[in-house]
PDB file of N, CA and C in Angstrom:
ATOM      1  N   MET A   1      86.423  41.717 -39.522  1.00  0.00           N
ATOM      2  CA  MET A   1      85.045  41.361 -39.245  1.00  0.00           C
ATOM      3  C   MET A   1      84.637  41.939 -37.888  1.00  0.00           C
ATOM      4  N   ALA A   2      83.426  42.351 -37.779  1.00  0.00           N
ATOM      5  CA  ALA A   2      82.930  42.970 -36.549  1.00  0.00           C
ATOM      6  C   ALA A   2      82.881  41.954 -35.423  1.00  0.00           C
ATOM      7  N   SER A   3      82.971  42.444 -34.213  1.00  0.00           N
ATOM      8  CA  SER A   3      82.897  41.557 -33.066  1.00  0.00           C
ATOM      9  C   SER A   3      81.486  40.991 -32.960  1.00  0.00           C
ATOM     10  N   ARG A   4      81.371  39.875 -32.281  1.00  0.00           N
ATOM     11  CA  ARG A   4      80.073  39.213 -32.118  1.00  0.00           C
ATOM     12  C   ARG A   4      79.085  40.129 -31.393  1.00  0.00           C
ATOM     13  N   ARG A   5      79.564  40.868 -30.410  1.00  0.00           N
ATOM     14  CA  ARG A   5      78.673  41.769 -29.668  1.00  0.00           C
ATOM     15  C   ARG A   5      78.117  42.867 -30.578  1.00  0.00           C
ATOM     16  N   LYS A   6      78.997  43.434 -31.425  1.00  0.00           N
ATOM     17  CA  LYS A   6      78.547  44.469 -32.362  1.00  0.00           C
ATOM     18  C   LYS A   6      77.516  43.909 -33.333  1.00  0.00           C
ATOM     19  N   GLU A   7      77.731  42.673 -33.780  1.00  0.00           N
ATOM     20  CA  GLU A   7      76.774  42.026 -34.674  1.00  0.00           C
ATOM     21  C   GLU A   7      75.423  41.854 -33.983  1.00  0.00           C
ATOM     22  N   GLN A   8      75.450  41.435 -32.733  1.00  0.00           N
ATOM     23  CA  GLN A   8      74.208  41.254 -31.976  1.00  0.00           C
ATOM     24  C   GLN A   8      73.479  42.583 -31.798  1.00  0.00           C
ATOM     25  N   GLN A   9      74.234  43.643 -31.525  1.00  0.00           N
ATOM     26  CA  GLN A   9      73.622  44.961 -31.371  1.00  0.00           C
ATOM     27  C   GLN A   9      73.004  45.431 -32.682  1.00  0.00           C
ATOM     28  N   GLU A  10      73.713  45.207 -33.776  1.00  0.00           N
ATOM     29  CA  GLU A  10      73.177  45.620 -35.072  1.00  0.00           C
ATOM     30  C   GLU A  10      71.956  44.773 -35.444  1.00  0.00           C
ATOM     31  N   ASP A  11      71.998  43.477 -35.109  1.00  0.00           N
ATOM     32  CA  ASP A  11      70.834  42.615 -35.363  1.00  0.00           C
ATOM     33  C   ASP A  11      69.617  43.099 -34.580  1.00  0.00           C
ATOM     34  N   ALA A  12      69.831  43.486 -33.323  1.00  0.00           N
ATOM     35  CA  ALA A  12      68.724  43.986 -32.496  1.00  0.00           C
ATOM     36  C   ALA A  12      68.179  45.281 -33.098  1.00  0.00           C
ATOM     37  N   LYS A  13      69.065  46.164 -33.522  1.00  0.00           N
ATOM     38  CA  LYS A  13      68.645  47.418 -34.139  1.00  0.00           C
ATOM     39  C   LYS A  13      67.858  47.146 -35.416  1.00  0.00           C
ATOM     40  N   PHE A  14      68.342  46.211 -36.222  1.00  0.00           N
ATOM     41  CA  PHE A  14      67.662  45.822 -37.460  1.00  0.00           C
ATOM     42  C   PHE A  14      66.263  45.290 -37.154  1.00  0.00           C
ATOM     43  N   ARG A  15      66.165  44.403 -36.181  1.00  0.00           N
ATOM     44  CA  ARG A  15      64.871  43.802 -35.857  1.00  0.00           C
ATOM     45  C   ARG A  15      63.895  44.836 -35.275  1.00  0.00           C
ATOM     46  N   VAL A  16      64.397  45.754 -34.471  1.00  0.00           N
ATOM     47  CA  VAL A  16      63.544  46.807 -33.910  1.00  0.00           C
ATOM     48  C   VAL A  16      62.984  47.680 -35.028  1.00  0.00           C
ATOM     49  N   LEU A  17      63.836  48.098 -35.948  1.00  0.00           N
ATOM     50  CA  LEU A  17      63.372  48.932 -37.061  1.00  0.00           C
ATOM     51  C   LEU A  17      62.370  48.174 -37.931  1.00  0.00           C
ATOM     52  N   GLN A  18      62.615  46.892 -38.112  1.00  0.00           N
ATOM     53  CA  GLN A  18      61.716  46.051 -38.897  1.00  0.00           C
ATOM     54  C   GLN A  18      60.349  45.933 -38.211  1.00  0.00           C
ATOM     55  N   ILE A  19      60.360  45.705 -36.910  1.00  0.00           N
ATOM     56  CA  ILE A  19      59.124  45.566 -36.138  1.00  0.00           C
ATOM     57  C   ILE A  19      58.327  46.867 -36.154  1.00  0.00           C
ATOM     58  N   ILE A  20      59.013  47.977 -35.937  1.00  0.00           N
ATOM     59  CA  ILE A  20      58.341  49.278 -35.891  1.00  0.00           C
ATOM     60  C   ILE A  20      57.727  49.627 -37.239  1.00  0.00           C
ATOM     61  N   GLU A  21      58.412  49.245 -38.301  1.00  0.00           N
ATOM     62  CA  GLU A  21      57.868  49.516 -39.633  1.00  0.00           C
ATOM     63  C   GLU A  21      56.543  48.771 -39.826  1.00  0.00           C
ATOM     64  N   LYS A  22      56.455  47.553 -39.288  1.00  0.00           N
ATOM     65  CA  LYS A  22      55.234  46.749 -39.428  1.00  0.00           C
ATOM     66  C   LYS A  22      54.148  47.166 -38.442  1.00  0.00           C
ATOM     67  N   ASN A  23      54.560  47.521 -37.214  1.00  0.00           N
ATOM     68  CA  ASN A  23      53.588  47.847 -36.173  1.00  0.00           C
ATOM     69  C   ASN A  23      54.103  49.003 -35.310  1.00  0.00           C
ATOM     70  N   PRO A  24      53.877  50.248 -35.719  1.00  0.00           N
ATOM     71  CA  PRO A  24      54.417  51.405 -34.991  1.00  0.00           C
ATOM     72  C   PRO A  24      53.821  51.597 -33.597  1.00  0.00           C
ATOM     73  N   LYS A  25      52.685  50.987 -33.320  1.00  0.00           N
ATOM     74  CA  LYS A  25      52.047  51.175 -32.018  1.00  0.00           C
ATOM     75  C   LYS A  25      52.462  50.124 -30.992  1.00  0.00           C
ATOM     76  N   MET A  26      53.418  49.308 -31.323  1.00  0.00           N
ATOM     77  CA  MET A  26      53.867  48.249 -30.433  1.00  0.00           C
ATOM     78  C   MET A  26      54.563  48.862 -29.210  1.00  0.00           C
ATOM     79  N   SER A  27      54.302  48.314 -28.047  1.00  0.00           N
ATOM     80  CA  SER A  27      54.910  48.833 -26.820  1.00  0.00           C
ATOM     81  C   SER A  27      56.381  48.425 -26.728  1.00  0.00           C
ATOM     82  N   THR A  28      57.102  49.135 -25.890  1.00  0.00           N
ATOM     83  CA  THR A  28      58.511  48.826 -25.665  1.00  0.00           C
ATOM     84  C   THR A  28      58.659  47.403 -25.155  1.00  0.00           C
ATOM     85  N   ARG A  29      57.783  47.004 -24.261  1.00  0.00           N
ATOM     86  CA  ARG A  29      57.819  45.650 -23.695  1.00  0.00           C
ATOM     87  C   ARG A  29      57.597  44.593 -24.781  1.00  0.00           C
ATOM     88  N   ALA A  30      56.629  44.831 -25.658  1.00  0.00           N
ATOM     89  CA  ALA A  30      56.339  43.882 -26.741  1.00  0.00           C
ATOM     90  C   ALA A  30      57.509  43.813 -27.727  1.00  0.00           C
ATOM     91  N   ILE A  31      58.124  44.960 -27.993  1.00  0.00           N
ATOM     92  CA  ILE A  31      59.293  44.986 -28.879  1.00  0.00           C
ATOM     93  C   ILE A  31      60.416  44.172 -28.252  1.00  0.00           C
ATOM     94  N   ALA A  32      60.645  44.357 -26.968  1.00  0.00           N
ATOM     95  CA  ALA A  32      61.692  43.617 -26.260  1.00  0.00           C
ATOM     96  C   ALA A  32      61.458  42.110 -26.366  1.00  0.00           C
ATOM     97  N   GLN A  33      60.232  41.684 -26.148  1.00  0.00           N
ATOM     98  CA  GLN A  33      59.914  40.261 -26.235  1.00  0.00           C
ATOM     99  C   GLN A  33      60.120  39.732 -27.641  1.00  0.00           C
ATOM    100  N   GLU A  34      59.696  40.490 -28.626  1.00  0.00           N
ATOM    101  CA  GLU A  34      59.807  40.077 -30.028  1.00  0.00           C
ATOM    102  C   GLU A  34      61.270  39.937 -30.451  1.00  0.00           C
ATOM    103  N   VAL A  35      62.098  40.873 -30.008  1.00  0.00           N
ATOM    104  CA  VAL A  35      63.512  40.875 -30.387  1.00  0.00           C
ATOM    105  C   VAL A  35      64.312  39.894 -29.527  1.00  0.00           C
ATOM    106  N   GLY A  36      63.822  39.629 -28.326  1.00  0.00           N
ATOM    107  CA  GLY A  36      64.541  38.725 -27.424  1.00  0.00           C
ATOM    108  C   GLY A  36      65.581  39.442 -26.585  1.00  0.00           C
ATOM    109  N   ILE A  37      65.271  40.681 -26.210  1.00  0.00           N
ATOM    110  CA  ILE A  37      66.160  41.467 -25.363  1.00  0.00           C
ATOM    111  C   ILE A  37      65.381  41.926 -24.128  1.00  0.00           C
ATOM    112  N   SER A  38      66.096  42.450 -23.149  1.00  0.00           N
ATOM    113  CA  SER A  38      65.434  42.916 -21.932  1.00  0.00           C
ATOM    114  C   SER A  38      64.663  44.207 -22.210  1.00  0.00           C
ATOM    115  N   ASN A  39      63.714  44.515 -21.322  1.00  0.00           N
ATOM    116  CA  ASN A  39      62.954  45.763 -21.453  1.00  0.00           C
ATOM    117  C   ASN A  39      63.880  46.974 -21.407  1.00  0.00           C
ATOM    118  N   GLY A  40      64.858  46.930 -20.526  1.00  0.00           N
ATOM    119  CA  GLY A  40      65.815  48.029 -20.402  1.00  0.00           C
ATOM    120  C   GLY A  40      66.624  48.218 -21.673  1.00  0.00           C
ATOM    121  N   SER A  41      67.056  47.098 -22.272  1.00  0.00           N
ATOM    122  CA  SER A  41      67.809  47.176 -23.525  1.00  0.00           C
ATOM    123  C   SER A  41      66.943  47.751 -24.642  1.00  0.00           C
ATOM    124  N   ALA A  42      65.680  47.341 -24.685  1.00  0.00           N
ATOM    125  CA  ALA A  42      64.761  47.853 -25.706  1.00  0.00           C
ATOM    126  C   ALA A  42      64.556  49.351 -25.518  1.00  0.00           C
ATOM    127  N   TYR A  43      64.358  49.768 -24.274  1.00  0.00           N
ATOM    128  CA  TYR A  43      64.166  51.190 -23.986  1.00  0.00           C
ATOM    129  C   TYR A  43      65.401  51.987 -24.408  1.00  0.00           C
ATOM    130  N   TYR A  44      66.583  51.485 -24.036  1.00  0.00           N
ATOM    131  CA  TYR A  44      67.839  52.151 -24.383  1.00  0.00           C
ATOM    132  C   TYR A  44      68.001  52.236 -25.901  1.00  0.00           C
ATOM    133  N   LEU A  45      67.712  51.137 -26.596  1.00  0.00           N
ATOM    134  CA  LEU A  45      67.847  51.104 -28.055  1.00  0.00           C
ATOM    135  C   LEU A  45      66.862  52.056 -28.727  1.00  0.00           C
ATOM    136  N   LEU A  46      65.617  52.054 -28.274  1.00  0.00           N
ATOM    137  CA  LEU A  46      64.613  52.957 -28.849  1.00  0.00           C
ATOM    138  C   LEU A  46      64.985  54.417 -28.600  1.00  0.00           C
ATOM    139  N   THR A  47      65.440  54.718 -27.399  1.00  0.00           N
ATOM    140  CA  THR A  47      65.863  56.081 -27.071  1.00  0.00           C
ATOM    141  C   THR A  47      67.023  56.509 -27.961  1.00  0.00           C
ATOM    142  N   SER A  48      67.962  55.602 -28.163  1.00  0.00           N
ATOM    143  CA  SER A  48      69.107  55.875 -29.020  1.00  0.00           C
ATOM    144  C   SER A  48      68.669  56.140 -30.467  1.00  0.00           C
ATOM    145  N   LEU A  49      67.727  55.338 -30.953  1.00  0.00           N
ATOM    146  CA  LEU A  49      67.235  55.522 -32.325  1.00  0.00           C
ATOM    147  C   LEU A  49      66.491  56.856 -32.467  1.00  0.00           C
ATOM    148  N   ILE A  50      65.787  57.258 -31.413  1.00  0.00           N
ATOM    149  CA  ILE A  50      65.101  58.557 -31.421  1.00  0.00           C
ATOM    150  C   ILE A  50      66.131  59.687 -31.401  1.00  0.00           C
ATOM    151  N   ASP A  51      67.139  59.562 -30.525  1.00  0.00           N
ATOM    152  CA  ASP A  51      68.186  60.592 -30.417  1.00  0.00           C
ATOM    153  C   ASP A  51      68.955  60.770 -31.721  1.00  0.00           C
ATOM    154  N   LYS A  52      69.147  59.689 -32.460  1.00  0.00           N
ATOM    155  CA  LYS A  52      69.883  59.750 -33.729  1.00  0.00           C
ATOM    156  C   LYS A  52      69.005  60.231 -34.884  1.00  0.00           C
ATOM    157  N   GLY A  53      67.713  60.378 -34.608  1.00  0.00           N
ATOM    158  CA  GLY A  53      66.810  60.874 -35.644  1.00  0.00           C
ATOM    159  C   GLY A  53      66.246  59.800 -36.549  1.00  0.00           C
ATOM    160  N   PHE A  54      66.413  58.523 -36.183  1.00  0.00           N
ATOM    161  CA  PHE A  54      65.898  57.419 -36.995  1.00  0.00           C
ATOM    162  C   PHE A  54      64.425  57.153 -36.713  1.00  0.00           C
ATOM    163  N   LEU A  55      64.003  57.486 -35.501  1.00  0.00           N
ATOM    164  CA  LEU A  55      62.608  57.299 -35.086  1.00  0.00           C
ATOM    165  C   LEU A  55      62.078  58.593 -34.515  1.00  0.00           C
ATOM    166  N   LYS A  56      60.777  58.726 -34.594  1.00  0.00           N
ATOM    167  CA  LYS A  56      60.089  59.849 -33.971  1.00  0.00           C
ATOM    168  C   LYS A  56      59.009  59.233 -33.085  1.00  0.00           C
ATOM    169  N   LEU A  57      58.866  59.760 -31.892  1.00  0.00           N
ATOM    170  CA  LEU A  57      57.845  59.276 -30.965  1.00  0.00           C
ATOM    171  C   LEU A  57      56.630  60.178 -31.082  1.00  0.00           C
ATOM    172  N   SER A  58      55.482  59.575 -31.292  1.00  0.00           N
ATOM    173  CA  SER A  58      54.258  60.346 -31.498  1.00  0.00           C
ATOM    174  C   SER A  58      53.203  59.933 -30.482  1.00  0.00           C
ATOM    175  N   ASN A  59      52.708  60.907 -29.724  1.00  0.00           N
ATOM    176  CA  ASN A  59      51.595  60.640 -28.806  1.00  0.00           C
ATOM    177  C   ASN A  59      50.307  60.558 -29.602  1.00  0.00           C
ATOM    178  N   LEU A  60      49.451  59.685 -29.168  1.00  0.00           N
ATOM    179  CA  LEU A  60      48.139  59.610 -29.800  1.00  0.00           C
ATOM    180  C   LEU A  60      47.208  60.471 -28.966  1.00  0.00           C
ATOM    181  N   LYS A  61      47.183  61.761 -29.242  1.00  0.00           N
ATOM    182  CA  LYS A  61      46.482  62.740 -28.414  1.00  0.00           C
ATOM    183  C   LYS A  61      44.975  62.490 -28.341  1.00  0.00           C
ATOM    184  N   LYS A  62      44.398  61.913 -29.382  1.00  0.00           N
ATOM    185  CA  LYS A  62      42.970  61.665 -29.378  1.00  0.00           C
ATOM    186  C   LYS A  62      42.595  60.465 -28.508  1.00  0.00           C
ATOM    187  N   ASN A  63      43.591  59.713 -28.106  1.00  0.00           N
ATOM    188  CA  ASN A  63      43.354  58.537 -27.298  1.00  0.00           C
ATOM    189  C   ASN A  63      43.100  58.951 -25.853  1.00  0.00           C
ATOM    190  N   SER A  64      42.151  58.287 -25.211  1.00  0.00           N
ATOM    191  CA  SER A  64      41.846  58.606 -23.814  1.00  0.00           C
ATOM    192  C   SER A  64      42.989  58.195 -22.885  1.00  0.00           C
ATOM    193  N   GLN A  65      43.783  57.201 -23.308  1.00  0.00           N
ATOM    194  CA  GLN A  65      44.952  56.793 -22.532  1.00  0.00           C
ATOM    195  C   GLN A  65      46.153  57.574 -23.051  1.00  0.00           C
ATOM    196  N   LYS A  66      46.564  58.584 -22.334  1.00  0.00           N
ATOM    197  CA  LYS A  66      47.641  59.463 -22.800  1.00  0.00           C
ATOM    198  C   LYS A  66      48.995  58.752 -22.831  1.00  0.00           C
ATOM    199  N   THR A  67      49.069  57.556 -22.250  1.00  0.00           N
ATOM    200  CA  THR A  67      50.332  56.830 -22.267  1.00  0.00           C
ATOM    201  C   THR A  67      50.544  56.099 -23.588  1.00  0.00           C
ATOM    202  N   LYS A  68      49.552  56.073 -24.453  1.00  0.00           N
ATOM    203  CA  LYS A  68      49.685  55.406 -25.752  1.00  0.00           C
ATOM    204  C   LYS A  68      50.530  56.273 -26.681  1.00  0.00           C
ATOM    205  N   TYR A  69      51.364  55.636 -27.443  1.00  0.00           N
ATOM    206  CA  TYR A  69      52.225  56.339 -28.380  1.00  0.00           C
ATOM    207  C   TYR A  69      52.546  55.404 -29.534  1.00  0.00           C
ATOM    208  N   SER A  70      53.151  55.964 -30.558  1.00  0.00           N
ATOM    209  CA  SER A  70      53.616  55.144 -31.658  1.00  0.00           C
ATOM    210  C   SER A  70      54.979  55.647 -32.101  1.00  0.00           C
ATOM    211  N   TYR A  71      55.740  54.738 -32.658  1.00  0.00           N
ATOM    212  CA  TYR A  71      57.053  55.074 -33.196  1.00  0.00           C
ATOM    213  C   TYR A  71      56.908  55.237 -34.698  1.00  0.00           C
ATOM    214  N   ILE A  72      57.531  56.267 -35.238  1.00  0.00           N
ATOM    215  CA  ILE A  72      57.456  56.519 -36.668  1.00  0.00           C
ATOM    216  C   ILE A  72      58.875  56.533 -37.225  1.00  0.00           C
ATOM    217  N   LEU A  73      59.090  55.730 -38.258  1.00  0.00           N
ATOM    218  CA  LEU A  73      60.386  55.750 -38.939  1.00  0.00           C
ATOM    219  C   LEU A  73      60.515  57.061 -39.708  1.00  0.00           C
ATOM    220  N   THR A  74      61.597  57.765 -39.490  1.00  0.00           N
ATOM    221  CA  THR A  74      61.853  59.003 -40.223  1.00  0.00           C
ATOM    222  C   THR A  74      62.525  58.643 -41.562  1.00  0.00           C
ATOM    223  N   PRO A  75      62.609  59.576 -42.483  1.00  0.00           N
ATOM    224  CA  PRO A  75      63.353  59.287 -43.725  1.00  0.00           C
ATOM    225  C   PRO A  75      64.794  58.832 -43.439  1.00  0.00           C
ATOM    226  N   LYS A  76      65.412  59.459 -42.451  1.00  0.00           N
ATOM    227  CA  LYS A  76      66.759  59.060 -42.045  1.00  0.00           C
ATOM    228  C   LYS A  76      66.752  57.622 -41.502  1.00  0.00           C
ATOM    229  N   GLY A  77      65.699  57.265 -40.769  1.00  0.00           N
ATOM    230  CA  GLY A  77      65.553  55.910 -40.241  1.00  0.00           C
ATOM    231  C   GLY A  77      65.334  54.885 -41.331  1.00  0.00           C
ATOM    232  N   ILE A  78      64.595  55.261 -42.363  1.00  0.00           N
ATOM    233  CA  ILE A  78      64.360  54.360 -43.493  1.00  0.00           C
ATOM    234  C   ILE A  78      65.681  54.076 -44.215  1.00  0.00           C
ATOM    235  N   ARG A  79      66.493  55.113 -44.403  1.00  0.00           N
ATOM    236  CA  ARG A  79      67.812  54.919 -45.026  1.00  0.00           C
ATOM    237  C   ARG A  79      68.686  54.015 -44.157  1.00  0.00           C
ATOM    238  N   GLU A  80      68.694  54.271 -42.849  1.00  0.00           N
ATOM    239  CA  GLU A  80      69.502  53.462 -41.929  1.00  0.00           C
ATOM    240  C   GLU A  80      69.046  52.006 -41.962  1.00  0.00           C
ATOM    241  N   LYS A  81      67.745  51.781 -41.981  1.00  0.00           N
ATOM    242  CA  LYS A  81      67.209  50.416 -42.039  1.00  0.00           C
ATOM    243  C   LYS A  81      67.669  49.720 -43.310  1.00  0.00           C
ATOM    244  N   SER A  82      67.690  50.435 -44.413  1.00  0.00           N
ATOM    245  CA  SER A  82      68.148  49.880 -45.685  1.00  0.00           C
ATOM    246  C   SER A  82      69.616  49.472 -45.608  1.00  0.00           C
ATOM    247  N   ILE A  83      70.433  50.324 -45.031  1.00  0.00           N
ATOM    248  CA  ILE A  83      71.870  50.037 -44.885  1.00  0.00           C
ATOM    249  C   ILE A  83      72.077  48.828 -43.980  1.00  0.00           C
ATOM    250  N   ILE A  84      71.390  48.806 -42.854  1.00  0.00           N
ATOM    251  CA  ILE A  84      71.520  47.696 -41.904  1.00  0.00           C
ATOM    252  C   ILE A  84      71.028  46.403 -42.536  1.00  0.00           C
ATOM    253  N   THR A  85      69.934  46.478 -43.282  1.00  0.00           N
ATOM    254  CA  THR A  85      69.386  45.286 -43.940  1.00  0.00           C
ATOM    255  C   THR A  85      70.406  44.714 -44.917  1.00  0.00           C
ATOM    256  N   SER A  86      71.058  45.574 -45.664  1.00  0.00           N
ATOM    257  CA  SER A  86      72.066  45.132 -46.622  1.00  0.00           C
ATOM    258  C   SER A  86      73.220  44.423 -45.915  1.00  0.00           C
ATOM    259  N   ARG A  87      73.729  45.015 -44.832  1.00  0.00           N
ATOM    260  CA  ARG A  87      74.827  44.388 -44.079  1.00  0.00           C
ATOM    261  C   ARG A  87      74.377  43.071 -43.459  1.00  0.00           C
ATOM    262  N   PHE A  88      73.139  43.033 -42.940  1.00  0.00           N
ATOM    263  CA  PHE A  88      72.578  41.827 -42.333  1.00  0.00           C
ATOM    264  C   PHE A  88      72.516  40.707 -43.375  1.00  0.00           C
ATOM    265  N   LEU A  89      72.034  41.037 -44.563  1.00  0.00           N
ATOM    266  CA  LEU A  89      71.907  40.055 -45.631  1.00  0.00           C
ATOM    267  C   LEU A  89      73.269  39.515 -46.067  1.00  0.00           C
ATOM    268  N   ILE A  90      74.249  40.380 -46.210  1.00  0.00           N
ATOM    269  CA  ILE A  90      75.599  39.946 -46.576  1.00  0.00           C
ATOM    270  C   ILE A  90      76.159  38.995 -45.530  1.00  0.00           C
ATOM    271  N   ARG A  91      76.009  39.366 -44.237  1.00  0.00           N
ATOM    272  CA  ARG A  91      76.534  38.538 -43.159  1.00  0.00           C
ATOM    273  C   ARG A  91      75.839  37.179 -43.107  1.00  0.00           C
ATOM    274  N   LYS A  92      74.521  37.159 -43.285  1.00  0.00           N
ATOM    275  CA  LYS A  92      73.777  35.897 -43.241  1.00  0.00           C
ATOM    276  C   LYS A  92      74.139  34.998 -44.424  1.00  0.00           C
ATOM    277  N   LYS A  93      74.383  35.577 -45.598  1.00  0.00           N
ATOM    278  CA  LYS A  93      74.812  34.783 -46.749  1.00  0.00           C
ATOM    279  C   LYS A  93      76.182  34.165 -46.494  1.00  0.00           C
ATOM    280  N   GLN A  94      77.087  34.933 -45.873  1.00  0.00           N
ATOM    281  CA  GLN A  94      78.407  34.399 -45.528  1.00  0.00           C
ATOM    282  C   GLN A  94      78.279  33.252 -44.526  1.00  0.00           C
ATOM    283  N   GLU A  95      77.437  33.435 -43.510  1.00  0.00           N
ATOM    284  CA  GLU A  95      77.209  32.375 -42.524  1.00  0.00           C
ATOM    285  C   GLU A  95      76.628  31.139 -43.195  1.00  0.00           C
ATOM    286  N   PHE A  96      75.717  31.344 -44.138  1.00  0.00           N
ATOM    287  CA  PHE A  96      75.099  30.241 -44.859  1.00  0.00           C
ATOM    288  C   PHE A  96      76.141  29.450 -45.637  1.00  0.00           C
ATOM    289  N   GLU A  97      77.051  30.150 -46.316  1.00  0.00           N
ATOM    290  CA  GLU A  97      78.084  29.475 -47.098  1.00  0.00           C
ATOM    291  C   GLU A  97      79.015  28.669 -46.190  1.00  0.00           C
ATOM    292  N   VAL A  98      79.374  29.225 -45.051  1.00  0.00           N
ATOM    293  CA  VAL A  98      80.224  28.505 -44.099  1.00  0.00           C
ATOM    294  C   VAL A  98      79.505  27.241 -43.620  1.00  0.00           C
ATOM    295  N   LEU A  99      78.219  27.364 -43.296  1.00  0.00           N
ATOM    296  CA  LEU A  99      77.454  26.194 -42.859  1.00  0.00           C
ATOM    297  C   LEU A  99      77.331  25.154 -43.971  1.00  0.00           C
ATOM    298  N   ARG A 100      77.114  25.609 -45.197  1.00  0.00           N
ATOM    299  CA  ARG A 100      76.997  24.679 -46.320  1.00  0.00           C
ATOM    300  C   ARG A 100      78.298  23.882 -46.483  1.00  0.00           C
ATOM    301  N   GLU A 101      79.436  24.572 -46.401  1.00  0.00           N
ATOM    302  CA  GLU A 101      80.733  23.901 -46.506  1.00  0.00           C
ATOM    303  C   GLU A 101      80.932  22.906 -45.376  1.00  0.00           C
ATOM    304  N   GLU A 102      80.538  23.299 -44.163  1.00  0.00           N
ATOM    305  CA  GLU A 102      80.674  22.399 -43.013  1.00  0.00           C
ATOM    306  C   GLU A 102      79.798  21.164 -43.179  1.00  0.00           C
ATOM    307  N   ILE A 103      78.578  21.350 -43.637  1.00  0.00           N
ATOM    308  CA  ILE A 103      77.663  20.225 -43.861  1.00  0.00           C
ATOM    309  C   ILE A 103      78.229  19.291 -44.927  1.00  0.00           C
ATOM    310  N   ASN A 104      78.706  19.853 -46.040  1.00  0.00           N
ATOM    311  CA  ASN A 104      79.288  19.032 -47.099  1.00  0.00           C
ATOM    312  C   ASN A 104      80.487  18.245 -46.599  1.00  0.00           C
ATOM    313  N   SER A 105      81.330  18.883 -45.810  1.00  0.00           N
ATOM    314  CA  SER A 105      82.501  18.223 -45.248  1.00  0.00           C
ATOM    315  C   SER A 105      82.090  17.081 -44.317  1.00  0.00           C
ATOM    316  N   LEU A 106      81.103  17.343 -43.458  1.00  0.00           N
ATOM    317  CA  LEU A 106      80.643  16.304 -42.537  1.00  0.00           C
ATOM    318  C   LEU A 106      79.999  15.136 -43.279  1.00  0.00           C
ATOM    319  N   GLU A 107      79.241  15.447 -44.323  1.00  0.00           N
ATOM    320  CA  GLU A 107      78.615  14.386 -45.116  1.00  0.00           C
ATOM    321  C   GLU A 107      79.674  13.512 -45.782  1.00  0.00           C
ATOM    322  N   LYS A 108      80.738  14.129 -46.274  1.00  0.00           N
ATOM    323  CA  LYS A 108      81.823  13.361 -46.891  1.00  0.00           C
ATOM    324  C   LYS A 108      82.519  12.479 -45.863  1.00  0.00           C
ATOM    325  N   SER A 109      82.692  13.014 -44.651  1.00  0.00           N
ATOM    326  CA  SER A 109      83.410  12.263 -43.622  1.00  0.00           C
ATOM    327  C   SER A 109      82.630  11.046 -43.125  1.00  0.00           C
ATOM    328  N   VAL A 110      81.316  11.073 -43.225  1.00  0.00           N
ATOM    329  CA  VAL A 110      80.512   9.916 -42.795  1.00  0.00           C
ATOM    330  C   VAL A 110      80.016   9.109 -43.991  1.00  0.00           C
ATOM    331  N   GLY A 111      80.461   9.463 -45.183  1.00  0.00           N
ATOM    332  CA  GLY A 111      80.093   8.721 -46.368  1.00  0.00           C
ATOM    333  C   GLY A 111      78.622   8.880 -46.750  1.00  0.00           C
ATOM    334  N   ASN A 112      78.045  10.031 -46.414  1.00  0.00           N
ATOM    335  CA  ASN A 112      76.643  10.330 -46.746  1.00  0.00           C
ATOM    336  C   ASN A 112      75.645   9.370 -46.112  1.00  0.00           C
ATOM    337  N   PHE A 113      76.014   8.649 -45.066  1.00  0.00           N
ATOM    338  CA  PHE A 113      75.061   7.802 -44.354  1.00  0.00           C
ATOM    339  C   PHE A 113      74.073   8.693 -43.625  1.00  0.00           C
ATOM    340  N   GLY A 114      72.818   8.520 -43.915  1.00  0.00           N
ATOM    341  CA  GLY A 114      71.786   9.299 -43.241  1.00  0.00           C
ATOM    342  C   GLY A 114      71.904  10.785 -43.491  1.00  0.00           C
ATOM    343  N   SER A 115      72.404  11.156 -44.660  1.00  0.00           N
ATOM    344  CA  SER A 115      72.592  12.576 -44.955  1.00  0.00           C
ATOM    345  C   SER A 115      71.249  13.286 -45.064  1.00  0.00           C
ATOM    346  N   VAL A 116      71.291  14.557 -44.734  1.00  0.00           N
ATOM    347  CA  VAL A 116      70.094  15.390 -44.857  1.00  0.00           C
ATOM    348  C   VAL A 116      69.973  15.839 -46.295  1.00  0.00           C
ATOM    349  N   ASN A 117      68.834  16.382 -46.652  1.00  0.00           N
ATOM    350  CA  ASN A 117      68.637  16.887 -48.008  1.00  0.00           C
ATOM    351  C   ASN A 117      69.711  17.895 -48.347  1.00  0.00           C
ATOM    352  N   LYS A 118      70.161  17.850 -49.572  1.00  0.00           N
ATOM    353  CA  LYS A 118      71.170  18.814 -50.038  1.00  0.00           C
ATOM    354  C   LYS A 118      70.575  20.213 -50.050  1.00  0.00           C
ATOM    355  N   LEU A 119      71.372  21.167 -49.641  1.00  0.00           N
ATOM    356  CA  LEU A 119      70.927  22.565 -49.642  1.00  0.00           C
ATOM    357  C   LEU A 119      71.112  23.157 -51.003  1.00  0.00           C
TER     358      LEU A 119
END
């Protein structure tokens, strides 16, 4: 199983790709806030995704503010997002099953007193 740090990095990458797909004009700062990482980490992650060919940075030349840009998922980025999404889903289902077992065990140990709704 992957280390916790690697999982966190992949989760951040997954969330960044997900956010960009929904809102390509989102700023690096807004992406960082949405994902829950520092601005520097967001910048590093976005740069890495661009370097790997998963994202393309596009200036909005018609805009009077030349600092405006948008991120575009490349076909390679769409494939990567699909792969990451699949791994994310598998991992979350495994975590869910572990939690379900723990909840069932705890409910049995207290005799279902004040038990929460069954999952």
